[in-house]
């Protein structure tokens, strides 16, 4: 028994060191990318452009936070983009169609995301559908509902509702003059802190890592896998719902045709940040760094006038490289 405990401690220490190295590598890559584009273009390292990078990271960062929970359990979620869109549409329905207060519209968007996460969790845990299949189905369900509910048309918010201030206003700027950092960025960082605490300090976080590491062993120990896995997917859905509210506020409208493609960037951010697709490993800090890498790279390539199709190609190669490095890293641990 003592030998087993020592082995587990050694394995845990190795994983901790590996995660730290992965985060440092990701952060180093972010710094190199930032310096490289700053030297290549005088328009990159400006206050306006840096704020633009922060804003563009906010939505993808929130989606990546939700995806991180799911990937840590050994699953995947392909529906985050369209669920985000459905959440935005439901906020639009409450605020514009039904003329209800903005806080109710915000809650409707978040509740929509958590409900979709709940059903994903049920399909995966209770009905034993592969996460890829279950979330692919939810992708189409959410996309279809978004188009039906909105009647194929964008839902615009009235200016007097001040919905846009949720994302583009600046509470910090009112407190500290000159620090006009958009609320969307503060929402992302606040959500990241909460998510990090959930993963590191709560039983839900511990079970997420345990299920991803060895689900069978966790089940044999008497843990209710169905309950906890569903709870994890539901919590992930909350962050996706928040992303829906933020993107609706940022655009001052709910665009039902948006969503497709966001899931790939969210998954890429998590993987680049060190979350293992095999499950059992990952941190919110690493995910946020990964999200910034993608946003900074995309922004820099756009400033350098690189065609959008080549931006997609480069992002694809980065994802492949990140997954391959993860395979090498896990091989060294075993």
C-alpha atoms as a PDB file:
ATOM      1  CA  UNK A   1       0.000   0.000   0.000  1.00  0.00           C
ATOM      2  CA  UNK A   2       2.846   2.386   0.843  1.00  0.00           C
ATOM      3  CA  UNK A   3       4.504   1.564  -2.478  1.00  0.00           C
ATOM      4  CA  UNK A   4       1.254   2.354  -4.315  1.00  0.00           C
ATOM      5  CA  UNK A   5       0.906   5.667  -2.507  1.00  0.00           C
ATOM      6  CA  UNK A   6       4.507   6.578  -3.316  1.00  0.00           C
ATOM      7  CA  UNK A   7       3.934   5.704  -6.966  1.00  0.00           C
ATOM      8  CA  UNK A   8       0.824   7.915  -7.103  1.00  0.00           C
ATOM      9  CA  UNK A   9       2.692  10.801  -5.469  1.00  0.00           C
ATOM     10  CA  UNK A  10       5.583  10.483  -7.937  1.00  0.00           C
ATOM     11  CA  UNK A  11       3.154  10.354 -10.875  1.00  0.00           C
ATOM     12  CA  UNK A  12       1.315  13.418  -9.600  1.00  0.00           C
ATOM     13  CA  UNK A  13       4.576  15.329  -9.164  1.00  0.00           C
ATOM     14  CA  UNK A  14       5.627  14.427 -12.703  1.00  0.00           C
ATOM     15  CA  UNK A  15       2.304  15.676 -14.077  1.00  0.00           C
ATOM     16  CA  UNK A  16       2.614  18.918 -12.095  1.00  0.00           C
ATOM     17  CA  UNK A  17       6.103  19.555 -13.456  1.00  0.00           C
ATOM     18  CA  UNK A  18       4.922  18.684 -16.957  1.00  0.00           C
ATOM     19  CA  UNK A  19       1.966  21.077 -16.714  1.00  0.00           C
ATOM     20  CA  UNK A  20       4.247  23.851 -15.474  1.00  0.00           C
ATOM     21  CA  UNK A  21       6.685  23.295 -18.343  1.00  0.00           C
ATOM     22  CA  UNK A  22       3.800  23.297 -20.835  1.00  0.00           C
ATOM     23  CA  UNK A  23       2.434  26.585 -19.507  1.00  0.00           C
ATOM     24  CA  UNK A  24       5.879  28.176 -19.553  1.00  0.00           C
ATOM     25  CA  UNK A  25       6.408  27.013 -23.139  1.00  0.00           C
ATOM     26  CA  UNK A  26       3.029  28.410 -24.174  1.00  0.00           C
ATOM     27  CA  UNK A  27       3.711  31.723 -22.433  1.00  0.00           C
ATOM     28  CA  UNK A  28       7.155  31.892 -24.025  1.00  0.00           C
ATOM     29  CA  UNK A  29       5.603  31.268 -27.437  1.00  0.00           C
ATOM     30  CA  UNK A  30       3.108  34.087 -26.803  1.00  0.00           C
ATOM     31  CA  UNK A  31       5.925  36.507 -25.930  1.00  0.00           C
ATOM     32  CA  UNK A  32       7.926  35.508 -29.032  1.00  0.00           C
ATOM     33  CA  UNK A  33       4.890  35.957 -31.298  1.00  0.00           C
ATOM     34  CA  UNK A  34       4.136  39.332 -29.740  1.00  0.00           C
ATOM     35  CA  UNK A  35       7.712  40.581 -30.111  1.00  0.00           C
ATOM     36  CA  UNK A  36       7.956  39.227 -33.658  1.00  0.00           C
ATOM     37  CA  UNK A  37       4.852  41.048 -34.883  1.00  0.00           C
ATOM     38  CA  UNK A  38       5.858  44.209 -32.983  1.00  0.00           C
ATOM     39  CA  UNK A  39       9.148  44.297 -34.896  1.00  0.00           C
ATOM     40  CA  UNK A  40       7.462  43.412 -38.195  1.00  0.00           C
ATOM     41  CA  UNK A  41       4.796  46.112 -38.093  1.00  0.00           C
ATOM     42  CA  UNK A  42       4.602  49.497 -36.335  1.00  0.00           C
ATOM     43  CA  UNK A  43       0.825  49.132 -36.162  1.00  0.00           C
ATOM     44  CA  UNK A  44       0.880  46.001 -34.011  1.00  0.00           C
ATOM     45  CA  UNK A  45       2.170  47.270 -30.679  1.00  0.00           C
ATOM     46  CA  UNK A  46      -0.303  50.108 -30.218  1.00  0.00           C
ATOM     47  CA  UNK A  47      -2.821  50.603 -27.425  1.00  0.00           C
ATOM     48  CA  UNK A  48      -5.747  50.356 -29.832  1.00  0.00           C
ATOM     49  CA  UNK A  49      -4.504  47.099 -31.371  1.00  0.00           C
ATOM     50  CA  UNK A  50      -3.702  45.520 -27.996  1.00  0.00           C
ATOM     51  CA  UNK A  51      -7.227  46.325 -26.831  1.00  0.00           C
ATOM     52  CA  UNK A  52      -8.490  44.750 -30.059  1.00  0.00           C
ATOM     53  CA  UNK A  53      -6.566  41.568 -29.245  1.00  0.00           C
ATOM     54  CA  UNK A  54      -8.021  41.527 -25.731  1.00  0.00           C
ATOM     55  CA  UNK A  55     -11.565  41.941 -27.048  1.00  0.00           C
ATOM     56  CA  UNK A  56     -11.154  39.239 -29.694  1.00  0.00           C
ATOM     57  CA  UNK A  57      -9.750  36.891 -27.040  1.00  0.00           C
ATOM     58  CA  UNK A  58     -12.686  37.402 -24.678  1.00  0.00           C
ATOM     59  CA  UNK A  59     -15.256  35.269 -26.511  1.00  0.00           C
ATOM     60  CA  UNK A  60     -12.836  32.529 -27.553  1.00  0.00           C
ATOM     61  CA  UNK A  61     -11.367  32.531 -24.050  1.00  0.00           C
ATOM     62  CA  UNK A  62     -14.781  31.955 -22.464  1.00  0.00           C
ATOM     63  CA  UNK A  63     -15.542  29.133 -24.893  1.00  0.00           C
ATOM     64  CA  UNK A  64     -12.118  27.608 -24.263  1.00  0.00           C
ATOM     65  CA  UNK A  65     -12.726  27.690 -20.504  1.00  0.00           C
ATOM     66  CA  UNK A  66     -15.892  25.635 -20.973  1.00  0.00           C
ATOM     67  CA  UNK A  67     -14.160  23.224 -23.358  1.00  0.00           C
ATOM     68  CA  UNK A  68     -11.301  22.740 -20.879  1.00  0.00           C
ATOM     69  CA  UNK A  69     -13.671  21.235 -18.293  1.00  0.00           C
ATOM     70  CA  UNK A  70     -14.910  18.728 -20.838  1.00  0.00           C
ATOM     71  CA  UNK A  71     -11.533  17.801 -22.346  1.00  0.00           C
ATOM     72  CA  UNK A  72     -10.132  17.194 -18.854  1.00  0.00           C
ATOM     73  CA  UNK A  73     -12.778  14.468 -18.425  1.00  0.00           C
ATOM     74  CA  UNK A  74     -11.560  12.843 -21.637  1.00  0.00           C
ATOM     75  CA  UNK A  75     -14.439  14.213 -23.714  1.00  0.00           C
ATOM     76  CA  UNK A  76     -14.849  16.780 -26.473  1.00  0.00           C
ATOM     77  CA  UNK A  77     -17.495  19.374 -27.298  1.00  0.00           C
ATOM     78  CA  UNK A  78     -18.132  20.341 -30.904  1.00  0.00           C
ATOM     79  CA  UNK A  79     -21.295  22.282 -30.078  1.00  0.00           C
ATOM     80  CA  UNK A  80     -19.794  25.235 -28.187  1.00  0.00           C
ATOM     81  CA  UNK A  81     -20.011  27.621 -31.150  1.00  0.00           C
ATOM     82  CA  UNK A  82     -23.650  27.036 -32.025  1.00  0.00           C
ATOM     83  CA  UNK A  83     -24.710  26.792 -28.365  1.00  0.00           C
ATOM     84  CA  UNK A  84     -23.067  30.180 -27.880  1.00  0.00           C
ATOM     85  CA  UNK A  85     -25.147  31.479 -30.791  1.00  0.00           C
ATOM     86  CA  UNK A  86     -28.364  29.989 -29.377  1.00  0.00           C
ATOM     87  CA  UNK A  87     -27.585  31.630 -26.027  1.00  0.00           C
ATOM     88  CA  UNK A  88     -27.184  34.974 -27.789  1.00  0.00           C
ATOM     89  CA  UNK A  89     -30.455  34.476 -29.663  1.00  0.00           C
ATOM     90  CA  UNK A  90     -32.340  33.648 -26.451  1.00  0.00           C
ATOM     91  CA  UNK A  91     -30.973  36.809 -24.848  1.00  0.00           C
ATOM     92  CA  UNK A  92     -32.251  38.694 -27.883  1.00  0.00           C
ATOM     93  CA  UNK A  93     -35.681  37.101 -27.576  1.00  0.00           C
ATOM     94  CA  UNK A  94     -36.014  38.100 -23.917  1.00  0.00           C
ATOM     95  CA  UNK A  95     -34.712  41.643 -24.336  1.00  0.00           C
ATOM     96  CA  UNK A  96     -35.981  42.628 -27.793  1.00  0.00           C
ATOM     97  CA  UNK A  97     -38.958  40.409 -28.624  1.00  0.00           C
ATOM     98  CA  UNK A  98     -40.446  40.233 -25.125  1.00  0.00           C
ATOM     99  CA  UNK A  99     -39.131  43.615 -23.946  1.00  0.00           C
ATOM    100  CA  UNK A 100     -37.948  42.199 -20.632  1.00  0.00           C
ATOM    101  CA  UNK A 101     -35.183  43.744 -18.459  1.00  0.00           C
ATOM    102  CA  UNK A 102     -31.601  43.233 -19.590  1.00  0.00           C
ATOM    103  CA  UNK A 103     -30.614  41.167 -16.510  1.00  0.00           C
ATOM    104  CA  UNK A 104     -33.335  38.643 -17.370  1.00  0.00           C
ATOM    105  CA  UNK A 105     -32.003  38.447 -20.914  1.00  0.00           C
ATOM    106  CA  UNK A 106     -28.503  37.818 -19.586  1.00  0.00           C
ATOM    107  CA  UNK A 107     -29.787  35.060 -17.305  1.00  0.00           C
ATOM    108  CA  UNK A 108     -31.717  33.536 -20.219  1.00  0.00           C
ATOM    109  CA  UNK A 109     -28.547  33.332 -22.284  1.00  0.00           C
ATOM    110  CA  UNK A 110     -26.550  31.722 -19.489  1.00  0.00           C
ATOM    111  CA  UNK A 111     -29.387  29.305 -18.690  1.00  0.00           C
ATOM    112  CA  UNK A 112     -29.571  28.297 -22.364  1.00  0.00           C
ATOM    113  CA  UNK A 113     -25.882  27.412 -22.360  1.00  0.00           C
ATOM    114  CA  UNK A 114     -26.123  25.420 -19.130  1.00  0.00           C
ATOM    115  CA  UNK A 115     -29.212  23.563 -20.394  1.00  0.00           C
ATOM    116  CA  UNK A 116     -27.407  22.519 -23.570  1.00  0.00           C
ATOM    117  CA  UNK A 117     -24.458  21.408 -21.442  1.00  0.00           C
ATOM    118  CA  UNK A 118     -26.801  19.416 -19.214  1.00  0.00           C
ATOM    119  CA  UNK A 119     -28.256  17.523 -22.177  1.00  0.00           C
ATOM    120  CA  UNK A 120     -24.774  16.891 -23.574  1.00  0.00           C
ATOM    121  CA  UNK A 121     -23.790  15.480 -20.203  1.00  0.00           C
ATOM    122  CA  UNK A 122     -26.848  13.212 -20.062  1.00  0.00           C
ATOM    123  CA  UNK A 123     -26.233  11.908 -23.568  1.00  0.00           C
ATOM    124  CA  UNK A 124     -22.591  11.165 -22.793  1.00  0.00           C
ATOM    125  CA  UNK A 125     -22.895   9.815 -19.239  1.00  0.00           C
ATOM    126  CA  UNK A 126     -26.298   8.114 -19.092  1.00  0.00           C
ATOM    127  CA  UNK A 127     -26.887   7.073 -22.688  1.00  0.00           C
ATOM    128  CA  UNK A 128     -23.186   6.317 -23.286  1.00  0.00           C
ATOM    129  CA  UNK A 129     -22.980   8.201 -26.578  1.00  0.00           C
ATOM    130  CA  UNK A 130     -19.438   9.094 -27.637  1.00  0.00           C
ATOM    131  CA  UNK A 131     -18.856  12.795 -26.834  1.00  0.00           C
ATOM    132  CA  UNK A 132     -17.991  13.440 -30.481  1.00  0.00           C
ATOM    133  CA  UNK A 133     -21.365  12.100 -31.646  1.00  0.00           C
ATOM    134  CA  UNK A 134     -23.445  13.653 -28.851  1.00  0.00           C
ATOM    135  CA  UNK A 135     -22.008  17.139 -29.231  1.00  0.00           C
ATOM    136  CA  UNK A 136     -22.062  16.951 -33.022  1.00  0.00           C
ATOM    137  CA  UNK A 137     -25.793  16.306 -32.734  1.00  0.00           C
ATOM    138  CA  UNK A 138     -26.157  19.211 -30.306  1.00  0.00           C
ATOM    139  CA  UNK A 139     -24.254  21.408 -32.765  1.00  0.00           C
ATOM    140  CA  UNK A 140     -26.989  20.927 -35.338  1.00  0.00           C
ATOM    141  CA  UNK A 141     -29.816  21.122 -32.801  1.00  0.00           C
ATOM    142  CA  UNK A 142     -28.562  24.449 -31.430  1.00  0.00           C
ATOM    143  CA  UNK A 143     -27.925  25.810 -34.908  1.00  0.00           C
ATOM    144  CA  UNK A 144     -31.405  24.804 -36.054  1.00  0.00           C
ATOM    145  CA  UNK A 145     -33.108  26.328 -32.996  1.00  0.00           C
ATOM    146  CA  UNK A 146     -31.159  29.568 -33.487  1.00  0.00           C
ATOM    147  CA  UNK A 147     -32.402  29.878 -37.071  1.00  0.00           C
ATOM    148  CA  UNK A 148     -35.988  28.901 -36.215  1.00  0.00           C
ATOM    149  CA  UNK A 149     -36.348  31.163 -33.172  1.00  0.00           C
ATOM    150  CA  UNK A 150     -34.791  34.162 -34.931  1.00  0.00           C
ATOM    151  CA  UNK A 151     -36.699  33.460 -38.156  1.00  0.00           C
ATOM    152  CA  UNK A 152     -33.385  33.562 -40.050  1.00  0.00           C
ATOM    153  CA  UNK A 153     -32.892  37.246 -39.183  1.00  0.00           C
ATOM    154  CA  UNK A 154     -30.524  38.994 -36.765  1.00  0.00           C
ATOM    155  CA  UNK A 155     -32.074  40.250 -33.538  1.00  0.00           C
ATOM    156  CA  UNK A 156     -30.936  43.814 -32.898  1.00  0.00           C
ATOM    157  CA  UNK A 157     -30.904  45.373 -29.455  1.00  0.00           C
ATOM    158  CA  UNK A 158     -32.289  48.855 -28.900  1.00  0.00           C
ATOM    159  CA  UNK A 159     -29.633  51.392 -28.044  1.00  0.00           C
ATOM    160  CA  UNK A 160     -31.499  52.551 -24.955  1.00  0.00           C
ATOM    161  CA  UNK A 161     -31.203  49.035 -23.504  1.00  0.00           C
ATOM    162  CA  UNK A 162     -27.440  49.591 -23.167  1.00  0.00           C
ATOM    163  CA  UNK A 163     -26.792  45.938 -23.931  1.00  0.00           C
ATOM    164  CA  UNK A 164     -23.554  46.804 -25.682  1.00  0.00           C
ATOM    165  CA  UNK A 165     -22.152  48.236 -22.450  1.00  0.00           C
ATOM    166  CA  UNK A 166     -22.077  44.707 -21.001  1.00  0.00           C
ATOM    167  CA  UNK A 167     -19.153  43.937 -23.303  1.00  0.00           C
ATOM    168  CA  UNK A 168     -17.893  47.257 -24.664  1.00  0.00           C
ATOM    169  CA  UNK A 169     -18.413  49.487 -21.651  1.00  0.00           C
ATOM    170  CA  UNK A 170     -15.633  49.944 -19.102  1.00  0.00           C
ATOM    171  CA  UNK A 171     -16.318  49.722 -15.381  1.00  0.00           C
ATOM    172  CA  UNK A 172     -12.574  49.867 -14.727  1.00  0.00           C
ATOM    173  CA  UNK A 173     -12.303  53.065 -16.751  1.00  0.00           C
ATOM    174  CA  UNK A 174     -14.837  54.747 -14.466  1.00  0.00           C
ATOM    175  CA  UNK A 175     -12.889  53.689 -11.384  1.00  0.00           C
ATOM    176  CA  UNK A 176      -9.389  54.390 -12.749  1.00  0.00           C
ATOM    177  CA  UNK A 177      -9.379  57.098 -15.454  1.00  0.00           C
ATOM    178  CA  UNK A 178      -7.309  56.102 -18.451  1.00  0.00           C
ATOM    179  CA  UNK A 179      -7.752  52.345 -17.999  1.00  0.00           C
ATOM    180  CA  UNK A 180     -10.469  51.897 -20.598  1.00  0.00           C
ATOM    181  CA  UNK A 181     -10.376  48.094 -20.643  1.00  0.00           C
ATOM    182  CA  UNK A 182     -13.682  46.709 -22.018  1.00  0.00           C
ATOM    183  CA  UNK A 183     -15.937  44.775 -19.659  1.00  0.00           C
ATOM    184  CA  UNK A 184     -15.766  41.745 -21.969  1.00  0.00           C
ATOM    185  CA  UNK A 185     -12.103  41.323 -21.033  1.00  0.00           C
ATOM    186  CA  UNK A 186     -12.883  41.649 -17.319  1.00  0.00           C
ATOM    187  CA  UNK A 187     -15.668  39.082 -17.684  1.00  0.00           C
ATOM    188  CA  UNK A 188     -13.233  36.646 -19.303  1.00  0.00           C
ATOM    189  CA  UNK A 189     -10.600  37.069 -16.582  1.00  0.00           C
ATOM    190  CA  UNK A 190     -13.223  36.881 -13.836  1.00  0.00           C
ATOM    191  CA  UNK A 191     -14.653  33.710 -15.345  1.00  0.00           C
ATOM    192  CA  UNK A 192     -11.140  32.273 -15.632  1.00  0.00           C
ATOM    193  CA  UNK A 193     -10.494  32.870 -11.929  1.00  0.00           C
ATOM    194  CA  UNK A 194     -13.791  31.232 -10.950  1.00  0.00           C
ATOM    195  CA  UNK A 195     -13.178  28.281 -13.285  1.00  0.00           C
ATOM    196  CA  UNK A 196      -9.654  27.857 -11.942  1.00  0.00           C
ATOM    197  CA  UNK A 197     -10.959  27.748  -8.374  1.00  0.00           C
ATOM    198  CA  UNK A 198     -13.621  25.210  -9.342  1.00  0.00           C
ATOM    199  CA  UNK A 199     -11.035  22.911 -10.916  1.00  0.00           C
ATOM    200  CA  UNK A 200      -8.463  23.231  -8.151  1.00  0.00           C
ATOM    201  CA  UNK A 201     -10.505  23.695  -4.983  1.00  0.00           C
ATOM    202  CA  UNK A 202     -13.804  21.821  -5.379  1.00  0.00           C
ATOM    203  CA  UNK A 203     -14.880  18.204  -5.490  1.00  0.00           C
ATOM    204  CA  UNK A 204     -16.245  18.745  -9.006  1.00  0.00           C
ATOM    205  CA  UNK A 205     -12.780  19.686 -10.192  1.00  0.00           C
ATOM    206  CA  UNK A 206     -11.168  16.711  -8.483  1.00  0.00           C
ATOM    207  CA  UNK A 207     -13.668  14.340 -10.063  1.00  0.00           C
ATOM    208  CA  UNK A 208     -13.140  15.964 -13.465  1.00  0.00           C
ATOM    209  CA  UNK A 209      -9.430  15.133 -13.322  1.00  0.00           C
ATOM    210  CA  UNK A 210     -10.092  11.690 -11.859  1.00  0.00           C
ATOM    211  CA  UNK A 211     -12.644  10.762 -14.533  1.00  0.00           C
ATOM    212  CA  UNK A 212     -10.273  11.902 -17.260  1.00  0.00           C
ATOM    213  CA  UNK A 213      -7.385   9.931 -15.778  1.00  0.00           C
ATOM    214  CA  UNK A 214      -9.221   6.649 -15.140  1.00  0.00           C
ATOM    215  CA  UNK A 215     -13.005   6.693 -15.361  1.00  0.00           C
ATOM    216  CA  UNK A 216     -13.334   2.968 -14.708  1.00  0.00           C
ATOM    217  CA  UNK A 217     -11.411   3.168 -11.452  1.00  0.00           C
ATOM    218  CA  UNK A 218     -13.499   6.136 -10.307  1.00  0.00           C
ATOM    219  CA  UNK A 219     -16.706   4.233 -11.058  1.00  0.00           C
ATOM    220  CA  UNK A 220     -15.488   1.140  -9.186  1.00  0.00           C
ATOM    221  CA  UNK A 221     -14.751   3.313  -6.153  1.00  0.00           C
ATOM    222  CA  UNK A 222     -18.471   4.094  -5.882  1.00  0.00           C
ATOM    223  CA  UNK A 223     -18.590   7.561  -7.446  1.00  0.00           C
ATOM    224  CA  UNK A 224     -21.779   8.436  -9.330  1.00  0.00           C
ATOM    225  CA  UNK A 225     -20.237   9.010 -12.763  1.00  0.00           C
ATOM    226  CA  UNK A 226     -23.538   9.997 -14.372  1.00  0.00           C
ATOM    227  CA  UNK A 227     -24.166  12.762 -11.840  1.00  0.00           C
ATOM    228  CA  UNK A 228     -20.676  14.229 -11.832  1.00  0.00           C
ATOM    229  CA  UNK A 229     -20.067  14.053 -15.560  1.00  0.00           C
ATOM    230  CA  UNK A 230     -23.432  15.717 -16.200  1.00  0.00           C
ATOM    231  CA  UNK A 231     -22.558  18.394 -13.637  1.00  0.00           C
ATOM    232  CA  UNK A 232     -19.217  19.037 -15.352  1.00  0.00           C
ATOM    233  CA  UNK A 233     -20.863  19.440 -18.772  1.00  0.00           C
ATOM    234  CA  UNK A 234     -23.477  21.739 -17.219  1.00  0.00           C
ATOM    235  CA  UNK A 235     -20.834  23.965 -15.624  1.00  0.00           C
ATOM    236  CA  UNK A 236     -19.023  24.091 -18.962  1.00  0.00           C
ATOM    237  CA  UNK A 237     -22.308  25.177 -20.546  1.00  0.00           C
ATOM    238  CA  UNK A 238     -22.552  28.107 -18.131  1.00  0.00           C
ATOM    239  CA  UNK A 239     -19.311  29.579 -19.480  1.00  0.00           C
ATOM    240  CA  UNK A 240     -20.502  28.975 -23.046  1.00  0.00           C
ATOM    241  CA  UNK A 241     -23.724  30.812 -22.210  1.00  0.00           C
ATOM    242  CA  UNK A 242     -21.690  33.730 -20.845  1.00  0.00           C
ATOM    243  CA  UNK A 243     -19.773  33.773 -24.131  1.00  0.00           C
ATOM    244  CA  UNK A 244     -23.110  34.008 -25.955  1.00  0.00           C
ATOM    245  CA  UNK A 245     -24.153  37.028 -23.898  1.00  0.00           C
ATOM    246  CA  UNK A 246     -20.768  38.698 -24.439  1.00  0.00           C
ATOM    247  CA  UNK A 247     -20.749  38.244 -28.209  1.00  0.00           C
ATOM    248  CA  UNK A 248     -24.340  39.506 -28.439  1.00  0.00           C
ATOM    249  CA  UNK A 249     -23.416  42.578 -26.410  1.00  0.00           C
ATOM    250  CA  UNK A 250     -20.250  43.101 -28.437  1.00  0.00           C
ATOM    251  CA  UNK A 251     -22.158  43.051 -31.742  1.00  0.00           C
ATOM    252  CA  UNK A 252     -25.252  44.710 -30.183  1.00  0.00           C
ATOM    253  CA  UNK A 253     -27.221  41.976 -31.916  1.00  0.00           C
ATOM    254  CA  UNK A 254     -27.790  38.232 -31.943  1.00  0.00           C
ATOM    255  CA  UNK A 255     -26.595  36.810 -35.254  1.00  0.00           C
ATOM    256  CA  UNK A 256     -28.158  33.346 -35.803  1.00  0.00           C
ATOM    257  CA  UNK A 257     -25.747  32.450 -38.598  1.00  0.00           C
ATOM    258  CA  UNK A 258     -22.684  32.747 -36.349  1.00  0.00           C
ATOM    259  CA  UNK A 259     -21.155  29.877 -34.422  1.00  0.00           C
ATOM    260  CA  UNK A 260     -19.599  27.393 -36.800  1.00  0.00           C
ATOM    261  CA  UNK A 261     -15.829  27.346 -36.498  1.00  0.00           C
ATOM    262  CA  UNK A 262     -15.647  28.757 -32.988  1.00  0.00           C
ATOM    263  CA  UNK A 263     -15.413  25.252 -31.531  1.00  0.00           C
ATOM    264  CA  UNK A 264     -12.139  24.586 -33.350  1.00  0.00           C
ATOM    265  CA  UNK A 265     -10.476  27.728 -31.996  1.00  0.00           C
ATOM    266  CA  UNK A 266     -11.716  26.968 -28.479  1.00  0.00           C
ATOM    267  CA  UNK A 267     -10.383  23.409 -28.581  1.00  0.00           C
ATOM    268  CA  UNK A 268      -7.119  24.661 -30.087  1.00  0.00           C
ATOM    269  CA  UNK A 269      -6.710  27.210 -27.275  1.00  0.00           C
ATOM    270  CA  UNK A 270      -7.180  24.523 -24.634  1.00  0.00           C
ATOM    271  CA  UNK A 271      -4.762  22.099 -26.308  1.00  0.00           C
ATOM    272  CA  UNK A 272      -2.111  24.752 -26.969  1.00  0.00           C
ATOM    273  CA  UNK A 273      -2.368  25.701 -23.288  1.00  0.00           C
ATOM    274  CA  UNK A 274      -1.564  22.154 -22.187  1.00  0.00           C
ATOM    275  CA  UNK A 275      -4.948  20.471 -21.802  1.00  0.00           C
ATOM    276  CA  UNK A 276      -4.487  16.890 -22.921  1.00  0.00           C
ATOM    277  CA  UNK A 277      -6.988  15.430 -25.383  1.00  0.00           C
ATOM    278  CA  UNK A 278      -6.492  12.122 -23.563  1.00  0.00           C
ATOM    279  CA  UNK A 279      -8.004  13.649 -20.423  1.00  0.00           C
ATOM    280  CA  UNK A 280      -6.819  14.089 -16.865  1.00  0.00           C
ATOM    281  CA  UNK A 281      -4.600  17.142 -17.483  1.00  0.00           C
ATOM    282  CA  UNK A 282      -5.160  20.819 -18.055  1.00  0.00           C
ATOM    283  CA  UNK A 283      -5.366  24.221 -16.384  1.00  0.00           C
ATOM    284  CA  UNK A 284      -7.443  27.330 -16.965  1.00  0.00           C
ATOM    285  CA  UNK A 285      -4.321  29.496 -16.932  1.00  0.00           C
ATOM    286  CA  UNK A 286      -2.830  27.466 -19.764  1.00  0.00           C
ATOM    287  CA  UNK A 287      -6.086  27.700 -21.698  1.00  0.00           C
ATOM    288  CA  UNK A 288      -6.189  31.502 -21.417  1.00  0.00           C
ATOM    289  CA  UNK A 289      -2.586  31.683 -22.628  1.00  0.00           C
ATOM    290  CA  UNK A 290      -3.555  29.438 -25.550  1.00  0.00           C
ATOM    291  CA  UNK A 291      -6.494  31.710 -26.382  1.00  0.00           C
ATOM    292  CA  UNK A 292      -4.176  34.729 -26.417  1.00  0.00           C
ATOM    293  CA  UNK A 293      -1.735  32.904 -28.696  1.00  0.00           C
ATOM    294  CA  UNK A 294      -4.472  32.275 -31.263  1.00  0.00           C
ATOM    295  CA  UNK A 295      -5.855  35.834 -31.068  1.00  0.00           C
ATOM    296  CA  UNK A 296      -2.412  37.428 -31.240  1.00  0.00           C
ATOM    297  CA  UNK A 297      -1.388  35.252 -34.167  1.00  0.00           C
ATOM    298  CA  UNK A 298      -4.611  35.969 -36.059  1.00  0.00           C
ATOM    299  CA  UNK A 299      -4.347  39.703 -35.385  1.00  0.00           C
ATOM    300  CA  UNK A 300      -0.700  39.832 -36.429  1.00  0.00           C
ATOM    301  CA  UNK A 301      -1.274  37.913 -39.640  1.00  0.00           C
ATOM    302  CA  UNK A 302      -4.156  40.219 -40.491  1.00  0.00           C
ATOM    303  CA  UNK A 303      -1.990  43.302 -39.943  1.00  0.00           C
ATOM    304  CA  UNK A 304       0.673  41.716 -42.151  1.00  0.00           C
ATOM    305  CA  UNK A 305      -2.039  41.385 -44.850  1.00  0.00           C
ATOM    306  CA  UNK A 306      -1.845  37.589 -44.907  1.00  0.00           C
ATOM    307  CA  UNK A 307      -4.980  36.247 -46.698  1.00  0.00           C
ATOM    308  CA  UNK A 308      -7.610  34.770 -44.399  1.00  0.00           C
ATOM    309  CA  UNK A 309      -7.380  31.338 -46.028  1.00  0.00           C
ATOM    310  CA  UNK A 310      -3.681  31.175 -45.149  1.00  0.00           C
ATOM    311  CA  UNK A 311      -4.475  32.270 -41.601  1.00  0.00           C
ATOM    312  CA  UNK A 312      -6.704  29.194 -41.330  1.00  0.00           C
ATOM    313  CA  UNK A 313      -3.941  26.980 -42.717  1.00  0.00           C
ATOM    314  CA  UNK A 314      -1.419  28.302 -40.195  1.00  0.00           C
ATOM    315  CA  UNK A 315      -3.865  27.831 -37.310  1.00  0.00           C
ATOM    316  CA  UNK A 316      -4.417  24.234 -38.450  1.00  0.00           C
ATOM    317  CA  UNK A 317      -0.692  23.510 -38.392  1.00  0.00           C
ATOM    318  CA  UNK A 318      -0.436  24.985 -34.905  1.00  0.00           C
ATOM    319  CA  UNK A 319      -3.196  22.670 -33.670  1.00  0.00           C
ATOM    320  CA  UNK A 320      -1.445  19.647 -35.187  1.00  0.00           C
ATOM    321  CA  UNK A 321       1.854  20.671 -33.590  1.00  0.00           C
ATOM    322  CA  UNK A 322       0.208  21.209 -30.186  1.00  0.00           C
ATOM    323  CA  UNK A 323      -1.436  17.764 -30.259  1.00  0.00           C
ATOM    324  CA  UNK A 324       1.809  16.110 -31.331  1.00  0.00           C
ATOM    325  CA  UNK A 325       3.734  17.805 -28.520  1.00  0.00           C
ATOM    326  CA  UNK A 326       1.052  16.597 -26.092  1.00  0.00           C
ATOM    327  CA  UNK A 327       1.554  13.022 -27.329  1.00  0.00           C
ATOM    328  CA  UNK A 328       5.320  13.323 -26.857  1.00  0.00           C
ATOM    329  CA  UNK A 329       4.856  14.810 -23.392  1.00  0.00           C
ATOM    330  CA  UNK A 330       2.531  12.034 -22.249  1.00  0.00           C
ATOM    331  CA  UNK A 331       4.897   9.445 -23.711  1.00  0.00           C
ATOM    332  CA  UNK A 332       7.711  10.746 -21.517  1.00  0.00           C
ATOM    333  CA  UNK A 333       5.487  10.549 -18.422  1.00  0.00           C
ATOM    334  CA  UNK A 334       4.631   6.874 -18.968  1.00  0.00           C
END
